[in-house]
Amino acid sequence: MDKLSTLISLNEAKGAIDEIINKVKKIETETEEERDSRKILIIVLALIGALVVVALIAWTVYKHFSDDYLDDYEDLDDIFEDEEDDAYEDEDEVEDGEPEVLVSEDDFAE
């Protein structure tokens, strides 16, 4: 009987060890699934980052090589300012050649 009890206890121990091994395998498979999901997430984020970098490079190259049409308008502004200055100078002169007096001596008398 001594041998039989030893075999029974060994069989119980084997069952307990098998349960522990199954739990460890289950945990390992879960971590593998988590690793796979992390890998997928990293790949997706890397692709999005690469697309953003390519878009920024393309935008920078476009801005660098595109013409700046605002420079043309700045030249026109200078021309129109000169014409406006000439117009104001013409209004200040009176027809008989003397400038118009805006302040008289009476304004300073007390």
PDB file of N, CA and C in Angstrom:
ATOM      1  N   MET A   1       0.810  -1.185   0.000  1.00  0.00           N
ATOM      2  CA  MET A   1       0.000   0.000   0.000  1.00  0.00           C
ATOM      3  C   MET A   1       0.855   1.251   0.000  1.00  0.00           C
ATOM      4  N   ASP A   2       1.950   1.057   0.480  1.00  0.00           N
ATOM      5  CA  ASP A   2       2.846   2.186   0.518  1.00  0.00           C
ATOM      6  C   ASP A   2       3.159   2.674  -0.894  1.00  0.00           C
ATOM      7  N   LYS A   3       3.341   1.755  -1.807  1.00  0.00           N
ATOM      8  CA  LYS A   3       3.619   2.115  -3.183  1.00  0.00           C
ATOM      9  C   LYS A   3       2.387   2.706  -3.843  1.00  0.00           C
ATOM     10  N   LEU A   4       1.230   2.202  -3.508  1.00  0.00           N
ATOM     11  CA  LEU A   4      -0.016   2.703  -4.093  1.00  0.00           C
ATOM     12  C   LEU A   4      -0.290   4.138  -3.654  1.00  0.00           C
ATOM     13  N   SER A   5      -0.083   4.427  -2.406  1.00  0.00           N
ATOM     14  CA  SER A   5      -0.290   5.796  -1.929  1.00  0.00           C
ATOM     15  C   SER A   5       0.729   6.738  -2.559  1.00  0.00           C
ATOM     16  N   THR A   6       1.914   6.240  -2.783  1.00  0.00           N
ATOM     17  CA  THR A   6       2.927   7.060  -3.427  1.00  0.00           C
ATOM     18  C   THR A   6       2.526   7.347  -4.873  1.00  0.00           C
ATOM     19  N   LEU A   7       2.003   6.349  -5.577  1.00  0.00           N
ATOM     20  CA  LEU A   7       1.541   6.550  -6.960  1.00  0.00           C
ATOM     21  C   LEU A   7       0.364   7.516  -7.014  1.00  0.00           C
ATOM     22  N   ILE A   8      -0.535   7.436  -6.063  1.00  0.00           N
ATOM     23  CA  ILE A   8      -1.686   8.337  -6.031  1.00  0.00           C
ATOM     24  C   ILE A   8      -1.225   9.767  -5.778  1.00  0.00           C
ATOM     25  N   SER A   9      -0.338   9.946  -4.851  1.00  0.00           N
ATOM     26  CA  SER A   9       0.157  11.301  -4.568  1.00  0.00           C
ATOM     27  C   SER A   9       0.960  11.849  -5.750  1.00  0.00           C
ATOM     28  N   LEU A  10       1.708  10.967  -6.435  1.00  0.00           N
ATOM     29  CA  LEU A  10       2.430  11.403  -7.624  1.00  0.00           C
ATOM     30  C   LEU A  10       1.458  11.790  -8.743  1.00  0.00           C
ATOM     31  N   ASN A  11       0.372  11.044  -8.872  1.00  0.00           N
ATOM     32  CA  ASN A  11      -0.630  11.328  -9.894  1.00  0.00           C
ATOM     33  C   ASN A  11      -1.323  12.668  -9.590  1.00  0.00           C
ATOM     34  N   GLU A  12      -1.596  12.929  -8.326  1.00  0.00           N
ATOM     35  CA  GLU A  12      -2.202  14.203  -7.932  1.00  0.00           C
ATOM     36  C   GLU A  12      -1.223  15.371  -8.186  1.00  0.00           C
ATOM     37  N   ALA A  13       0.030  15.125  -7.901  1.00  0.00           N
ATOM     38  CA  ALA A  13       1.041  16.139  -8.120  1.00  0.00           C
ATOM     39  C   ALA A  13       1.179  16.436  -9.610  1.00  0.00           C
ATOM     40  N   LYS A  14       1.106  15.350 -10.433  1.00  0.00           N
ATOM     41  CA  LYS A  14       1.184  15.530 -11.878  1.00  0.00           C
ATOM     42  C   LYS A  14       0.002  16.358 -12.368  1.00  0.00           C
ATOM     43  N   GLY A  15      -1.193  16.109 -11.840  1.00  0.00           N
ATOM     44  CA  GLY A  15      -2.381  16.894 -12.213  1.00  0.00           C
ATOM     45  C   GLY A  15      -2.230  18.359 -11.834  1.00  0.00           C
ATOM     46  N   ALA A  16      -1.681  18.611 -10.672  1.00  0.00           N
ATOM     47  CA  ALA A  16      -1.476  19.991 -10.224  1.00  0.00           C
ATOM     48  C   ALA A  16      -0.441  20.686 -11.102  1.00  0.00           C
ATOM     49  N   ILE A  17       0.613  19.947 -11.448  1.00  0.00           N
ATOM     50  CA  ILE A  17       1.645  20.516 -12.317  1.00  0.00           C
ATOM     51  C   ILE A  17       1.063  20.809 -13.695  1.00  0.00           C
ATOM     52  N   ASP A  18       0.226  19.914 -14.209  1.00  0.00           N
ATOM     53  CA  ASP A  18      -0.407  20.139 -15.516  1.00  0.00           C
ATOM     54  C   ASP A  18      -1.302  21.378 -15.495  1.00  0.00           C
ATOM     55  N   GLU A  19      -2.022  21.568 -14.403  1.00  0.00           N
ATOM     56  CA  GLU A  19      -2.862  22.760 -14.273  1.00  0.00           C
ATOM     57  C   GLU A  19      -2.012  24.033 -14.283  1.00  0.00           C
ATOM     58  N   ILE A  20      -0.915  24.009 -13.571  1.00  0.00           N
ATOM     59  CA  ILE A  20      -0.023  25.170 -13.527  1.00  0.00           C
ATOM     60  C   ILE A  20       0.558  25.437 -14.908  1.00  0.00           C
ATOM     61  N   ILE A  21       0.964  24.383 -15.615  1.00  0.00           N
ATOM     62  CA  ILE A  21       1.537  24.535 -16.954  1.00  0.00           C
ATOM     63  C   ILE A  21       0.490  25.116 -17.902  1.00  0.00           C
ATOM     64  N   ASN A  22      -0.766  24.639 -17.789  1.00  0.00           N
ATOM     65  CA  ASN A  22      -1.840  25.173 -18.648  1.00  0.00           C
ATOM     66  C   ASN A  22      -2.097  26.653 -18.367  1.00  0.00           C
ATOM     67  N   LYS A  23      -2.066  27.037 -17.094  1.00  0.00           N
ATOM     68  CA  LYS A  23      -2.252  28.448 -16.752  1.00  0.00           C
ATOM     69  C   LYS A  23      -1.114  29.303 -17.303  1.00  0.00           C
ATOM     70  N   VAL A  24       0.112  28.796 -17.202  1.00  0.00           N
ATOM     71  CA  VAL A  24       1.262  29.539 -17.718  1.00  0.00           C
ATOM     72  C   VAL A  24       1.161  29.683 -19.234  1.00  0.00           C
ATOM     73  N   LYS A  25       0.756  28.605 -19.931  1.00  0.00           N
ATOM     74  CA  LYS A  25       0.576  28.670 -21.382  1.00  0.00           C
ATOM     75  C   LYS A  25      -0.514  29.667 -21.763  1.00  0.00           C
ATOM     76  N   LYS A  26      -1.589  29.690 -20.979  1.00  0.00           N
ATOM     77  CA  LYS A  26      -2.665  30.636 -21.246  1.00  0.00           C
ATOM     78  C   LYS A  26      -2.169  32.076 -21.081  1.00  0.00           C
ATOM     79  N   ILE A  27      -1.391  32.333 -20.053  1.00  0.00           N
ATOM     80  CA  ILE A  27      -0.826  33.671 -19.836  1.00  0.00           C
ATOM     81  C   ILE A  27       0.131  34.027 -20.959  1.00  0.00           C
ATOM     82  N   GLU A  28       0.954  33.052 -21.405  1.00  0.00           N
ATOM     83  CA  GLU A  28       1.880  33.309 -22.502  1.00  0.00           C
ATOM     84  C   GLU A  28       1.139  33.638 -23.793  1.00  0.00           C
ATOM     85  N   THR A  29       0.058  32.924 -24.072  1.00  0.00           N
ATOM     86  CA  THR A  29      -0.703  33.209 -25.295  1.00  0.00           C
ATOM     87  C   THR A  29      -1.367  34.573 -25.212  1.00  0.00           C
ATOM     88  N   GLU A  30      -1.825  34.972 -24.033  1.00  0.00           N
ATOM     89  CA  GLU A  30      -2.411  36.298 -23.880  1.00  0.00           C
ATOM     90  C   GLU A  30      -1.354  37.386 -24.104  1.00  0.00           C
ATOM     91  N   THR A  31      -0.168  37.182 -23.587  1.00  0.00           N
ATOM     92  CA  THR A  31       0.872  38.178 -23.787  1.00  0.00           C
ATOM     93  C   THR A  31       1.304  38.215 -25.252  1.00  0.00           C
ATOM     94  N   GLU A  32       1.286  37.068 -25.932  1.00  0.00           N
ATOM     95  CA  GLU A  32       1.592  37.064 -27.361  1.00  0.00           C
ATOM     96  C   GLU A  32       0.544  37.847 -28.139  1.00  0.00           C
ATOM     97  N   GLU A  33      -0.720  37.687 -27.743  1.00  0.00           N
ATOM     98  CA  GLU A  33      -1.791  38.446 -28.396  1.00  0.00           C
ATOM     99  C   GLU A  33      -1.614  39.937 -28.128  1.00  0.00           C
ATOM    100  N   GLU A  34      -1.247  40.277 -26.905  1.00  0.00           N
ATOM    101  CA  GLU A  34      -0.995  41.678 -26.588  1.00  0.00           C
ATOM    102  C   GLU A  34       0.200  42.198 -27.373  1.00  0.00           C
ATOM    103  N   ARG A  35       1.231  41.388 -27.513  1.00  0.00           N
ATOM    104  CA  ARG A  35       2.395  41.792 -28.288  1.00  0.00           C
ATOM    105  C   ARG A  35       2.008  42.001 -29.746  1.00  0.00           C
ATOM    106  N   ASP A  36       1.178  41.104 -30.274  1.00  0.00           N
ATOM    107  CA  ASP A  36       0.735  41.254 -31.651  1.00  0.00           C
ATOM    108  C   ASP A  36      -0.087  42.525 -31.831  1.00  0.00           C
ATOM    109  N   SER A  37      -0.963  42.797 -30.862  1.00  0.00           N
ATOM    110  CA  SER A  37      -1.771  44.012 -30.969  1.00  0.00           C
ATOM    111  C   SER A  37      -0.896  45.258 -30.822  1.00  0.00           C
ATOM    112  N   ARG A  38       0.118  45.195 -29.989  1.00  0.00           N
ATOM    113  CA  ARG A  38       1.049  46.325 -29.859  1.00  0.00           C
ATOM    114  C   ARG A  38       1.835  46.526 -31.147  1.00  0.00           C
ATOM    115  N   LYS A  39       2.255  45.419 -31.749  1.00  0.00           N
ATOM    116  CA  LYS A  39       2.987  45.522 -33.013  1.00  0.00           C
ATOM    117  C   LYS A  39       2.114  46.170 -34.088  1.00  0.00           C
ATOM    118  N   ILE A  40       0.868  45.756 -34.146  1.00  0.00           N
ATOM    119  CA  ILE A  40      -0.054  46.337 -35.128  1.00  0.00           C
ATOM    120  C   ILE A  40      -0.250  47.821 -34.862  1.00  0.00           C
ATOM    121  N   LEU A  41      -0.423  48.187 -33.593  1.00  0.00           N
ATOM    122  CA  LEU A  41      -0.587  49.590 -33.229  1.00  0.00           C
ATOM    123  C   LEU A  41       0.652  50.398 -33.601  1.00  0.00           C
ATOM    124  N   ILE A  42       1.824  49.874 -33.339  1.00  0.00           N
ATOM    125  CA  ILE A  42       3.069  50.569 -33.682  1.00  0.00           C
ATOM    126  C   ILE A  42       3.196  50.735 -35.188  1.00  0.00           C
ATOM    127  N   ILE A  43       2.833  49.708 -35.943  1.00  0.00           N
ATOM    128  CA  ILE A  43       2.898  49.796 -37.406  1.00  0.00           C
ATOM    129  C   ILE A  43       1.944  50.858 -37.929  1.00  0.00           C
ATOM    130  N   VAL A  44       0.722  50.893 -37.400  1.00  0.00           N
ATOM    131  CA  VAL A  44      -0.266  51.889 -37.838  1.00  0.00           C
ATOM    132  C   VAL A  44       0.212  53.296 -37.505  1.00  0.00           C
ATOM    133  N   LEU A  45       0.715  53.505 -36.301  1.00  0.00           N
ATOM    134  CA  LEU A  45       1.210  54.826 -35.912  1.00  0.00           C
ATOM    135  C   LEU A  45       2.429  55.232 -36.736  1.00  0.00           C
ATOM    136  N   ALA A  46       3.286  54.271 -37.070  1.00  0.00           N
ATOM    137  CA  ALA A  46       4.453  54.577 -37.899  1.00  0.00           C
ATOM    138  C   ALA A  46       4.007  54.995 -39.307  1.00  0.00           C
ATOM    139  N   LEU A  47       3.006  54.327 -39.853  1.00  0.00           N
ATOM    140  CA  LEU A  47       2.497  54.695 -41.176  1.00  0.00           C
ATOM    141  C   LEU A  47       1.880  56.089 -41.168  1.00  0.00           C
ATOM    142  N   ILE A  48       1.112  56.384 -40.134  1.00  0.00           N
ATOM    143  CA  ILE A  48       0.503  57.717 -40.031  1.00  0.00           C
ATOM    144  C   ILE A  48       1.599  58.774 -39.898  1.00  0.00           C
ATOM    145  N   GLY A  49       2.605  58.510 -39.083  1.00  0.00           N
ATOM    146  CA  GLY A  49       3.713  59.445 -38.928  1.00  0.00           C
ATOM    147  C   GLY A  49       4.458  59.650 -40.238  1.00  0.00           C
ATOM    148  N   ALA A  50       4.679  58.582 -40.982  1.00  0.00           N
ATOM    149  CA  ALA A  50       5.372  58.694 -42.263  1.00  0.00           C
ATOM    150  C   ALA A  50       4.550  59.530 -43.248  1.00  0.00           C
ATOM    151  N   LEU A  51       3.238  59.335 -43.265  1.00  0.00           N
ATOM    152  CA  LEU A  51       2.381  60.132 -44.147  1.00  0.00           C
ATOM    153  C   LEU A  51       2.424  61.607 -43.774  1.00  0.00           C
ATOM    154  N   VAL A  52       2.429  61.901 -42.487  1.00  0.00           N
ATOM    155  CA  VAL A  52       2.492  63.293 -42.043  1.00  0.00           C
ATOM    156  C   VAL A  52       3.827  63.922 -42.455  1.00  0.00           C
ATOM    157  N   VAL A  53       4.904  63.190 -42.295  1.00  0.00           N
ATOM    158  CA  VAL A  53       6.226  63.712 -42.668  1.00  0.00           C
ATOM    159  C   VAL A  53       6.282  63.965 -44.172  1.00  0.00           C
ATOM    160  N   VAL A  54       5.780  63.034 -44.979  1.00  0.00           N
ATOM    161  CA  VAL A  54       5.780  63.216 -46.431  1.00  0.00           C
ATOM    162  C   VAL A  54       4.923  64.416 -46.821  1.00  0.00           C
ATOM    163  N   ALA A  55       3.769  64.574 -46.162  1.00  0.00           N
ATOM    164  CA  ALA A  55       2.900  65.721 -46.465  1.00  0.00           C
ATOM    165  C   ALA A  55       3.588  67.035 -46.100  1.00  0.00           C
ATOM    166  N   LEU A  56       4.266  67.094 -44.974  1.00  0.00           N
ATOM    167  CA  LEU A  56       4.972  68.314 -44.583  1.00  0.00           C
ATOM    168  C   LEU A  56       6.116  68.636 -45.542  1.00  0.00           C
ATOM    169  N   ILE A  57       6.826  67.623 -45.979  1.00  0.00           N
ATOM    170  CA  ILE A  57       7.907  67.855 -46.940  1.00  0.00           C
ATOM    171  C   ILE A  57       7.346  68.362 -48.256  1.00  0.00           C
ATOM    172  N   ALA A  58       6.245  67.755 -48.712  1.00  0.00           N
ATOM    173  CA  ALA A  58       5.640  68.198 -49.969  1.00  0.00           C
ATOM    174  C   ALA A  58       5.145  69.634 -49.857  1.00  0.00           C
ATOM    175  N   TRP A  59       4.532  69.996 -48.731  1.00  0.00           N
ATOM    176  CA  TRP A  59       4.033  71.358 -48.538  1.00  0.00           C
ATOM    177  C   TRP A  59       5.189  72.353 -48.517  1.00  0.00           C
ATOM    178  N   THR A  60       6.295  71.970 -47.856  1.00  0.00           N
ATOM    179  CA  THR A  60       7.456  72.852 -47.788  1.00  0.00           C
ATOM    180  C   THR A  60       8.070  73.062 -49.171  1.00  0.00           C
ATOM    181  N   VAL A  61       8.190  72.000 -49.938  1.00  0.00           N
ATOM    182  CA  VAL A  61       8.741  72.122 -51.289  1.00  0.00           C
ATOM    183  C   VAL A  61       7.821  72.974 -52.154  1.00  0.00           C
ATOM    184  N   TYR A  62       6.512  72.780 -52.025  1.00  0.00           N
ATOM    185  CA  TYR A  62       5.554  73.580 -52.792  1.00  0.00           C
ATOM    186  C   TYR A  62       5.686  75.059 -52.450  1.00  0.00           C
ATOM    187  N   LYS A  63       5.744  75.375 -51.162  1.00  0.00           N
ATOM    188  CA  LYS A  63       5.869  76.773 -50.745  1.00  0.00           C
ATOM    189  C   LYS A  63       7.193  77.375 -51.214  1.00  0.00           C
ATOM    190  N   HIS A  64       8.237  76.578 -51.234  1.00  0.00           N
ATOM    191  CA  HIS A  64       9.545  77.081 -51.641  1.00  0.00           C
ATOM    192  C   HIS A  64       9.583  77.404 -53.134  1.00  0.00           C
ATOM    193  N   PHE A  65       8.972  76.562 -53.944  1.00  0.00           N
ATOM    194  CA  PHE A  65       9.049  76.741 -55.385  1.00  0.00           C
ATOM    195  C   PHE A  65       7.886  77.523 -55.982  1.00  0.00           C
ATOM    196  N   SER A  66       6.817  77.758 -55.233  1.00  0.00           N
ATOM    197  CA  SER A  66       5.685  78.510 -55.784  1.00  0.00           C
ATOM    198  C   SER A  66       6.024  80.003 -55.800  1.00  0.00           C
ATOM    199  N   ASP A  67       5.469  80.697 -56.781  1.00  0.00           N
ATOM    200  CA  ASP A  67       5.724  82.124 -56.912  1.00  0.00           C
ATOM    201  C   ASP A  67       4.967  82.886 -55.830  1.00  0.00           C
ATOM    202  N   ASP A  68       5.589  83.940 -55.369  1.00  0.00           N
ATOM    203  CA  ASP A  68       4.937  84.802 -54.392  1.00  0.00           C
ATOM    204  C   ASP A  68       4.339  85.967 -55.161  1.00  0.00           C
ATOM    205  N   TYR A  69       3.039  85.885 -55.401  1.00  0.00           N
ATOM    206  CA  TYR A  69       2.377  86.891 -56.212  1.00  0.00           C
ATOM    207  C   TYR A  69       2.129  88.186 -55.444  1.00  0.00           C
ATOM    208  N   LEU A  70       2.330  88.198 -54.159  1.00  0.00           N
ATOM    209  CA  LEU A  70       2.111  89.406 -53.380  1.00  0.00           C
ATOM    210  C   LEU A  70       3.151  90.474 -53.692  1.00  0.00           C
ATOM    211  N   ASP A  71       4.316  90.068 -54.159  1.00  0.00           N
ATOM    212  CA  ASP A  71       5.345  91.048 -54.525  1.00  0.00           C
ATOM    213  C   ASP A  71       4.859  91.955 -55.646  1.00  0.00           C
ATOM    214  N   ASP A  72       4.071  91.425 -56.571  1.00  0.00           N
ATOM    215  CA  ASP A  72       3.539  92.236 -57.667  1.00  0.00           C
ATOM    216  C   ASP A  72       2.614  93.324 -57.137  1.00  0.00           C
ATOM    217  N   TYR A  73       1.828  93.006 -56.124  1.00  0.00           N
ATOM    218  CA  TYR A  73       0.888  93.978 -55.581  1.00  0.00           C
ATOM    219  C   TYR A  73       1.594  95.075 -54.789  1.00  0.00           C
ATOM    220  N   GLU A  74       2.711  94.767 -54.180  1.00  0.00           N
ATOM    221  CA  GLU A  74       3.438  95.791 -53.437  1.00  0.00           C
ATOM    222  C   GLU A  74       3.927  96.891 -54.375  1.00  0.00           C
ATOM    223  N   ASP A  75       4.344  96.546 -55.582  1.00  0.00           N
ATOM    224  CA  ASP A  75       4.784  97.549 -56.550  1.00  0.00           C
ATOM    225  C   ASP A  75       3.621  98.448 -56.951  1.00  0.00           C
ATOM    226  N   LEU A  76       2.447  97.874 -57.118  1.00  0.00           N
ATOM    227  CA  LEU A  76       1.274  98.667 -57.488  1.00  0.00           C
ATOM    228  C   LEU A  76       0.887  99.624 -56.365  1.00  0.00           C
ATOM    229  N   ASP A  77       1.039  99.184 -55.132  1.00  0.00           N
ATOM    230  CA  ASP A  77       0.725 100.065 -54.010  1.00  0.00           C
ATOM    231  C   ASP A  77       1.626 101.296 -54.025  1.00  0.00           C
ATOM    232  N   ASP A  78       2.892 101.125 -54.339  1.00  0.00           N
ATOM    233  CA  ASP A  78       3.818 102.259 -54.398  1.00  0.00           C
ATOM    234  C   ASP A  78       3.401 103.239 -55.493  1.00  0.00           C
ATOM    235  N   ILE A  79       2.958 102.722 -56.614  1.00  0.00           N
ATOM    236  CA  ILE A  79       2.537 103.587 -57.720  1.00  0.00           C
ATOM    237  C   ILE A  79       1.308 104.391 -57.313  1.00  0.00           C
ATOM    238  N   PHE A  80       0.332 103.716 -56.689  1.00  0.00           N
ATOM    239  CA  PHE A  80      -0.887 104.419 -56.304  1.00  0.00           C
ATOM    240  C   PHE A  80      -0.626 105.420 -55.191  1.00  0.00           C
ATOM    241  N   GLU A  81       0.296 105.136 -54.284  1.00  0.00           N
ATOM    242  CA  GLU A  81       0.620 106.096 -53.230  1.00  0.00           C
ATOM    243  C   GLU A  81       1.223 107.354 -53.827  1.00  0.00           C
ATOM    244  N   ASP A  82       2.086 107.206 -54.841  1.00  0.00           N
ATOM    245  CA  ASP A  82       2.679 108.374 -55.490  1.00  0.00           C
ATOM    246  C   ASP A  82       1.606 109.222 -56.160  1.00  0.00           C
ATOM    247  N   GLU A  83       0.624 108.597 -56.799  1.00  0.00           N
ATOM    248  CA  GLU A  83      -0.449 109.336 -57.458  1.00  0.00           C
ATOM    249  C   GLU A  83      -1.313 110.055 -56.421  1.00  0.00           C
ATOM    250  N   GLU A  84      -1.576 109.424 -55.274  1.00  0.00           N
ATOM    251  CA  GLU A  84      -2.373 110.060 -54.234  1.00  0.00           C
ATOM    252  C   GLU A  84      -1.638 111.266 -53.659  1.00  0.00           C
ATOM    253  N   ASP A  85      -0.329 111.157 -53.472  1.00  0.00           N
ATOM    254  CA  ASP A  85       0.453 112.284 -52.964  1.00  0.00           C
ATOM    255  C   ASP A  85       0.387 113.461 -53.935  1.00  0.00           C
ATOM    256  N   ASP A  86       0.480 113.181 -55.223  1.00  0.00           N
ATOM    257  CA  ASP A  86       0.381 114.237 -56.235  1.00  0.00           C
ATOM    258  C   ASP A  86      -0.994 114.894 -56.201  1.00  0.00           C
ATOM    259  N   ALA A  87      -2.029 114.117 -55.973  1.00  0.00           N
ATOM    260  CA  ALA A  87      -3.387 114.655 -55.942  1.00  0.00           C
ATOM    261  C   ALA A  87      -3.556 115.597 -54.749  1.00  0.00           C
ATOM    262  N   TYR A  88      -3.006 115.239 -53.599  1.00  0.00           N
ATOM    263  CA  TYR A  88      -3.119 116.096 -52.429  1.00  0.00           C
ATOM    264  C   TYR A  88      -2.331 117.393 -52.622  1.00  0.00           C
ATOM    265  N   GLU A  89      -1.208 117.335 -53.267  1.00  0.00           N
ATOM    266  CA  GLU A  89      -0.425 118.544 -53.528  1.00  0.00           C
ATOM    267  C   GLU A  89      -1.192 119.491 -54.440  1.00  0.00           C
ATOM    268  N   ASP A  90      -1.915 118.953 -55.401  1.00  0.00           N
ATOM    269  CA  ASP A  90      -2.700 119.781 -56.308  1.00  0.00           C
ATOM    270  C   ASP A  90      -3.844 120.473 -55.580  1.00  0.00           C
ATOM    271  N   GLU A  91      -4.465 119.831 -54.611  1.00  0.00           N
ATOM    272  CA  GLU A  91      -5.581 120.418 -53.885  1.00  0.00           C
ATOM    273  C   GLU A  91      -5.124 121.555 -52.987  1.00  0.00           C
ATOM    274  N   ASP A  92      -3.893 121.490 -52.475  1.00  0.00           N
ATOM    275  CA  ASP A  92      -3.397 122.519 -51.566  1.00  0.00           C
ATOM    276  C   ASP A  92      -3.141 123.848 -52.273  1.00  0.00           C
ATOM    277  N   GLU A  93      -2.854 123.800 -53.525  1.00  0.00           N
ATOM    278  CA  GLU A  93      -2.550 125.025 -54.247  1.00  0.00           C
ATOM    279  C   GLU A  93      -3.842 125.710 -54.693  1.00  0.00           C
ATOM    280  N   VAL A  94      -3.847 126.999 -54.593  1.00  0.00           N
ATOM    281  CA  VAL A  94      -4.994 127.793 -55.031  1.00  0.00           C
ATOM    282  C   VAL A  94      -4.767 128.164 -56.493  1.00  0.00           C
ATOM    283  N   GLU A  95      -5.837 128.486 -57.184  1.00  0.00           N
ATOM    284  CA  GLU A  95      -5.742 128.729 -58.623  1.00  0.00           C
ATOM    285  C   GLU A  95      -4.832 129.911 -58.968  1.00  0.00           C
ATOM    286  N   ASP A  96      -4.764 130.911 -58.133  1.00  0.00           N
ATOM    287  CA  ASP A  96      -3.942 132.063 -58.468  1.00  0.00           C
ATOM    288  C   ASP A  96      -2.475 131.860 -58.076  1.00  0.00           C
ATOM    289  N   GLY A  97      -2.106 130.685 -57.590  1.00  0.00           N
ATOM    290  CA  GLY A  97      -0.713 130.382 -57.348  1.00  0.00           C
ATOM    291  C   GLY A  97      -0.297 130.517 -55.899  1.00  0.00           C
ATOM    292  N   GLU A  98      -1.130 131.112 -55.042  1.00  0.00           N
ATOM    293  CA  GLU A  98      -0.759 131.239 -53.638  1.00  0.00           C
ATOM    294  C   GLU A  98      -1.380 130.091 -52.850  1.00  0.00           C
ATOM    295  N   PRO A  99      -0.665 129.584 -51.864  1.00  0.00           N
ATOM    296  CA  PRO A  99      -1.227 128.496 -51.072  1.00  0.00           C
ATOM    297  C   PRO A  99      -2.385 128.982 -50.215  1.00  0.00           C
ATOM    298  N   GLU A 100      -3.293 128.116 -49.934  1.00  0.00           N
ATOM    299  CA  GLU A 100      -4.462 128.445 -49.131  1.00  0.00           C
ATOM    300  C   GLU A 100      -4.054 128.585 -47.674  1.00  0.00           C
ATOM    301  N   VAL A 101      -4.512 129.665 -47.010  1.00  0.00           N
ATOM    302  CA  VAL A 101      -4.175 129.918 -45.615  1.00  0.00           C
ATOM    303  C   VAL A 101      -5.261 129.295 -44.764  1.00  0.00           C
ATOM    304  N   LEU A 102      -4.863 128.384 -43.898  1.00  0.00           N
ATOM    305  CA  LEU A 102      -5.829 127.703 -43.055  1.00  0.00           C
ATOM    306  C   LEU A 102      -5.974 128.382 -41.696  1.00  0.00           C
ATOM    307  N   VAL A 103      -4.965 129.107 -41.274  1.00  0.00           N
ATOM    308  CA  VAL A 103      -4.994 129.788 -39.984  1.00  0.00           C
ATOM    309  C   VAL A 103      -4.801 131.275 -40.257  1.00  0.00           C
ATOM    310  N   SER A 104      -5.668 132.069 -39.656  1.00  0.00           N
ATOM    311  CA  SER A 104      -5.532 133.518 -39.843  1.00  0.00           C
ATOM    312  C   SER A 104      -4.956 134.153 -38.591  1.00  0.00           C
ATOM    313  N   GLU A 105      -4.602 135.461 -38.702  1.00  0.00           N
ATOM    314  CA  GLU A 105      -4.028 136.157 -37.572  1.00  0.00           C
ATOM    315  C   GLU A 105      -5.072 136.394 -36.486  1.00  0.00           C
ATOM    316  N   ASP A 106      -6.349 136.417 -36.873  1.00  0.00           N
ATOM    317  CA  ASP A 106      -7.419 136.624 -35.892  1.00  0.00           C
ATOM    318  C   ASP A 106      -7.560 135.472 -34.918  1.00  0.00           C
ATOM    319  N   ASP A 107      -7.146 134.308 -35.348  1.00  0.00           N
ATOM    320  CA  ASP A 107      -7.245 133.152 -34.482  1.00  0.00           C
ATOM    321  C   ASP A 107      -6.316 133.271 -33.276  1.00  0.00           C
ATOM    322  N   PHE A 108      -5.226 134.056 -33.390  1.00  0.00           N
ATOM    323  CA  PHE A 108      -4.273 134.193 -32.298  1.00  0.00           C
ATOM    324  C   PHE A 108      -4.522 135.445 -31.452  1.00  0.00           C
ATOM    325  N   ALA A 109      -5.432 136.292 -31.857  1.00  0.00           N
ATOM    326  CA  ALA A 109      -5.690 137.516 -31.104  1.00  0.00           C
ATOM    327  C   ALA A 109      -6.528 137.177 -29.878  1.00  0.00           C
ATOM    328  N   GLU A 110      -6.219 137.924 -28.801  1.00  0.00           N
ATOM    329  CA  GLU A 110      -6.951 137.653 -27.562  1.00  0.00           C
ATOM    330  C   GLU A 110      -8.010 138.673 -27.314  1.00  0.00           C
TER     331      GLU A 110
END
